Structures are given as structure tokens and as C-alpha cells.
C-alpha atoms as a PDB file:
ATOM      1  CA  MET A   1       0.228   0.155   0.168  1.00  0.00           C
ATOM      2  CA  GLN A   2       1.703   3.452  -0.667  1.00  0.00           C
ATOM      3  CA  ARG A   3       0.573   6.000   1.853  1.00  0.00           C
ATOM      4  CA  LEU A   4      -0.344   9.242   0.249  1.00  0.00           C
ATOM      5  CA  ASN A   5       1.248  12.211   3.343  1.00  0.00           C
ATOM      6  CA  SER A   6       0.680  15.013   0.346  1.00  0.00           C
ATOM      7  CA  ASN A   7      -1.971  17.382   1.126  1.00  0.00           C
ATOM      8  CA  THR A   8      -2.169  17.908  -2.529  1.00  0.00           C
ATOM      9  CA  ILE A   9      -3.243  15.061  -4.092  1.00  0.00           C
ATOM     10  CA  GLY A  10      -3.528  14.692  -7.841  1.00  0.00           C
ATOM     11  CA  ILE A  11      -5.402  12.451 -10.244  1.00  0.00           C
ATOM     12  CA  THR A  12      -4.968  12.227 -14.207  1.00  0.00           C
ATOM     13  CA  GLN A  13      -6.644   9.872 -16.381  1.00  0.00           C
ATOM     14  CA  GLY A  14      -6.871   9.409 -20.066  1.00  0.00           C
ATOM     15  CA  SER A  15      -8.401   6.949 -23.077  1.00  0.00           C
ATOM     16  CA  ARG A  16      -6.281   6.213 -25.863  1.00  0.00           C
ATOM     17  CA  VAL A  17      -6.995   3.876 -29.280  1.00  0.00           C
ATOM     18  CA  LEU A  18      -3.477   2.368 -29.389  1.00  0.00           C
ATOM     19  CA  PHE A  19      -3.998   0.823 -32.749  1.00  0.00           C
ATOM     20  CA  SER A  20      -6.460  -0.265 -35.654  1.00  0.00           C
ATOM     21  CA  ASP A  21      -4.442  -2.903 -37.665  1.00  0.00           C
ATOM     22  CA  PHE A  22      -7.384  -4.105 -39.307  1.00  0.00           C
ATOM     23  CA  ILE A  23      -7.108  -0.879 -41.694  1.00  0.00           C
ATOM     24  CA  ASP A  24      -3.910  -1.413 -42.709  1.00  0.00           C
ATOM     25  CA  ASP A  25      -3.372  -5.302 -41.580  1.00  0.00           C
ATOM     26  CA  GLY A  26      -0.523  -4.571 -39.138  1.00  0.00           C
ATOM     27  CA  PRO A  27       0.920  -6.458 -37.022  1.00  0.00           C
ATOM     28  CA  MET A  28      -1.462  -7.362 -34.191  1.00  0.00           C
ATOM     29  CA  TRP A  29      -4.061  -8.277 -36.783  1.00  0.00           C
ATOM     30  CA  THR A  30      -1.773 -10.190 -39.760  1.00  0.00           C
ATOM     31  CA  GLY A  31       1.272 -11.374 -37.589  1.00  0.00           C
ATOM     32  CA  THR A  32       1.364 -14.160 -34.527  1.00  0.00           C
ATOM     33  CA  GLY A  33       3.491 -15.182 -32.304  1.00  0.00           C
ATOM     34  CA  PRO A  34       4.423 -12.429 -28.924  1.00  0.00           C
ATOM     35  CA  ARG A  35       3.981  -8.874 -30.524  1.00  0.00           C
ATOM     36  CA  GLU A  36       3.656  -5.850 -28.415  1.00  0.00           C
ATOM     37  CA  HIS A  37       2.324  -2.216 -28.816  1.00  0.00           C
ATOM     38  CA  ARG A  38       3.718   0.681 -26.594  1.00  0.00           C
ATOM     39  CA  PHE A  39       2.242   4.204 -25.911  1.00  0.00           C
ATOM     40  CA  GLU A  40       4.226   7.267 -23.723  1.00  0.00           C
ATOM     41  CA  VAL A  41       1.643   8.897 -21.580  1.00  0.00           C
ATOM     42  CA  ASP A  42       3.427  12.014 -19.998  1.00  0.00           C
ATOM     43  CA  PHE A  43       1.890  13.777 -17.614  1.00  0.00           C
ATOM     44  CA  ALA A  44       0.523  17.604 -17.900  1.00  0.00           C
ATOM     45  CA  GLU A  45       1.656  18.335 -14.296  1.00  0.00           C
ATOM     46  CA  ARG A  46       4.932  16.187 -12.671  1.00  0.00           C
ATOM     47  CA  PHE A  47       4.070  14.210  -9.247  1.00  0.00           C
ATOM     48  CA  ALA A  48       6.156  14.563  -6.207  1.00  0.00           C
ATOM     49  CA  ALA A  49       6.773  10.689  -6.251  1.00  0.00           C
ATOM     50  CA  VAL A  50       5.709   7.960  -8.406  1.00  0.00           C
ATOM     51  CA  PRO A  51       2.304   7.551  -8.550  1.00  0.00           C
ATOM     52  CA  ASN A  52      -0.221   4.674  -8.650  1.00  0.00           C
ATOM     53  CA  VAL A  53      -1.031   3.816 -12.296  1.00  0.00           C
ATOM     54  CA  GLN A  54      -4.211   1.774 -13.688  1.00  0.00           C
ATOM     55  CA  VAL A  55      -4.845   0.532 -16.975  1.00  0.00           C
ATOM     56  CA  SER A  56      -7.797  -1.099 -18.410  1.00  0.00           C
ATOM     57  CA  ILE A  57      -9.197  -2.336 -21.812  1.00  0.00           C
ATOM     58  CA  SER A  58     -12.372   0.164 -22.449  1.00  0.00           C
ATOM     59  CA  MET A  59     -12.433  -1.391 -26.431  1.00  0.00           C
ATOM     60  CA  TRP A  60     -11.195  -4.394 -27.492  1.00  0.00           C
ATOM     61  CA  ASP A  61     -11.876  -6.017 -31.092  1.00  0.00           C
ATOM     62  CA  SER A  62     -10.495  -9.020 -32.447  1.00  0.00           C
ATOM     63  CA  ASP A  63     -11.407 -11.744 -34.568  1.00  0.00           C
ATOM     64  CA  GLN A  64     -13.684 -14.851 -33.240  1.00  0.00           C
ATOM     65  CA  LYS A  65     -11.534 -17.667 -35.176  1.00  0.00           C
ATOM     66  CA  THR A  66      -9.025 -17.690 -33.092  1.00  0.00           C
ATOM     67  CA  ASN A  67      -8.075 -17.540 -29.335  1.00  0.00           C
ATOM     68  CA  GLN A  68      -8.718 -14.399 -27.354  1.00  0.00           C
ATOM     69  CA  ARG A  69      -4.920 -13.465 -25.637  1.00  0.00           C
ATOM     70  CA  MET A  70      -3.863 -10.479 -23.954  1.00  0.00           C
ATOM     71  CA  ASP A  71      -2.118  -8.234 -21.775  1.00  0.00           C
ATOM     72  CA  ILE A  72      -2.164  -5.032 -20.658  1.00  0.00           C
ATOM     73  CA  SER A  73      -0.204  -2.525 -18.313  1.00  0.00           C
ATOM     74  CA  ALA A  74       1.523   0.487 -17.059  1.00  0.00           C
ATOM     75  CA  GLU A  75       5.838  -0.043 -17.289  1.00  0.00           C
ATOM     76  CA  ASN A  76       8.428   2.442 -16.508  1.00  0.00           C
ATOM     77  CA  ILE A  77       6.171   4.831 -14.175  1.00  0.00           C
ATOM     78  CA  THR A  78       7.847   8.034 -13.312  1.00  0.00           C
ATOM     79  CA  GLU A  79       6.816  11.093 -11.943  1.00  0.00           C
ATOM     80  CA  THR A  80       6.671  12.308 -15.294  1.00  0.00           C
ATOM     81  CA  GLY A  81       4.910   9.448 -17.134  1.00  0.00           C
ATOM     82  CA  PHE A  82       4.310   5.994 -18.321  1.00  0.00           C
ATOM     83  CA  ASP A  83       4.502   3.548 -21.028  1.00  0.00           C
ATOM     84  CA  LEU A  84       0.933   1.697 -21.445  1.00  0.00           C
ATOM     85  CA  VAL A  85       2.142  -1.530 -23.217  1.00  0.00           C
ATOM     86  CA  PHE A  86      -0.194  -3.909 -24.914  1.00  0.00           C
ATOM     87  CA  ARG A  87       0.869  -7.905 -25.516  1.00  0.00           C
ATOM     88  CA  THR A  88      -0.794 -10.537 -27.814  1.00  0.00           C
ATOM     89  CA  TRP A  89       0.558 -13.661 -28.601  1.00  0.00           C
ATOM     90  CA  GLY A  90      -0.354 -17.051 -30.584  1.00  0.00           C
ATOM     91  CA  ASP A  91      -2.296 -17.109 -33.266  1.00  0.00           C
ATOM     92  CA  THR A  92      -4.663 -14.226 -32.084  1.00  0.00           C
ATOM     93  CA  ARG A  93      -6.225 -11.696 -34.029  1.00  0.00           C
ATOM     94  CA  VAL A  94      -6.724  -8.355 -33.026  1.00  0.00           C
ATOM     95  CA  ALA A  95      -8.450  -5.852 -35.186  1.00  0.00           C
ATOM     96  CA  ARG A  96      -7.859  -2.768 -32.920  1.00  0.00           C
ATOM     97  CA  VAL A  97      -7.752  -1.651 -28.315  1.00  0.00           C
ATOM     98  CA  ARG A  98      -8.633   1.376 -26.605  1.00  0.00           C
ATOM     99  CA  ALA A  99      -7.425   1.477 -23.309  1.00  0.00           C
ATOM    100  CA  ASN A 100      -8.026   3.541 -20.560  1.00  0.00           C
ATOM    101  CA  TRP A 101      -5.922   4.749 -17.698  1.00  0.00           C
ATOM    102  CA  MET A 102      -6.295   6.521 -14.343  1.00  0.00           C
ATOM    103  CA  VAL A 103      -3.163   7.700 -12.120  1.00  0.00           C
ATOM    104  CA  ILE A 104      -2.864   9.008  -8.352  1.00  0.00           C
ATOM    105  CA  GLY A 105      -0.181  10.338  -6.314  1.00  0.00           C
ATOM    106  CA  PRO A 106       0.823  13.194  -4.348  1.00  0.00           C
ATOM    107  CA  LEU A 107       1.590  16.690  -6.171  1.00  0.00           C
ATOM    108  CA  PRO A 108       4.309  18.921  -5.396  1.00  0.00           C
ATOM    109  CA  ASN A 109       3.211  21.716  -2.678  1.00  0.00           C
ATOM    110  CA  GLU A 110       4.613  24.946  -2.104  1.00  0.00           C
ATOM    111  CA  ASP A 111       5.265  24.187   1.700  1.00  0.00           C
ATOM    112  CA  ASP A 112       7.394  21.361   0.853  1.00  0.00           C
ATOM    113  CA  TRP A 113      11.165  22.187   1.055  1.00  0.00           C
ATOM    114  CA  GLN A 114      14.250  20.120   1.976  1.00  0.00           C
ATOM    115  CA  LEU A 115      16.997  22.033   3.725  1.00  0.00           C
ATOM    116  CA  TYR A 116      19.751  20.123   2.050  1.00  0.00           C
END
């Protein structure tokens, strides 16, 4: 559990279509085996410490003839952003995916200062 001691807590959220590979025969739609798509999310304002990040799938469009395999995660989380990562593997054919995220963490406060 992360305990937030700041009296200034920031919450930000977003949503993005990560890819639409069925349009241009991209790798998520036509490929097989391990595949990955990354999107770099930059926060509008810097957090005072590494925040908590929650990611989820809000739209999943795939071929019903293959197994449905997916993994979504937040990686490389810092005070300024994170990588939103979608993965699939095997014969799964993913046409498009939209992901949502919510970030909660302490914001810098003008009363915060360090002596050294």
C-alpha cells in the first residue's frame, strides 16, 4: 500500500485507441507469435513521487476464429509519465484496442522544501 502524506493529491486519467491494425494489415491483425504495442503517456504536471497507475481495456475488437489472448500493463512509471503496453501472442488476431488509465499520486506543494 502506498500512503500519501501530501495534502495536494493529483488525479489524472486518459483514453486512447492504441492501434487499428485491421485498417492497414498491421502486426496485431496479421501477425502471429509474441507482439507488443507501446504508447508513452506524459503527465500534464509532474507528480512529487512515483504515482499509482491503473490501466484497463475499454474496447477490444478481435477475430472470433482465434484464441483471445491479451495483456495490458503500465511499465516504466515515473513522476512524469509511463509506458502503456499491450501484448498478445499465438494466433490471436486483434483488430483494435482502446485503453483507459487513471493515475493518483502526490503533487508538489509550495510548502514542501528541503534544507539540503
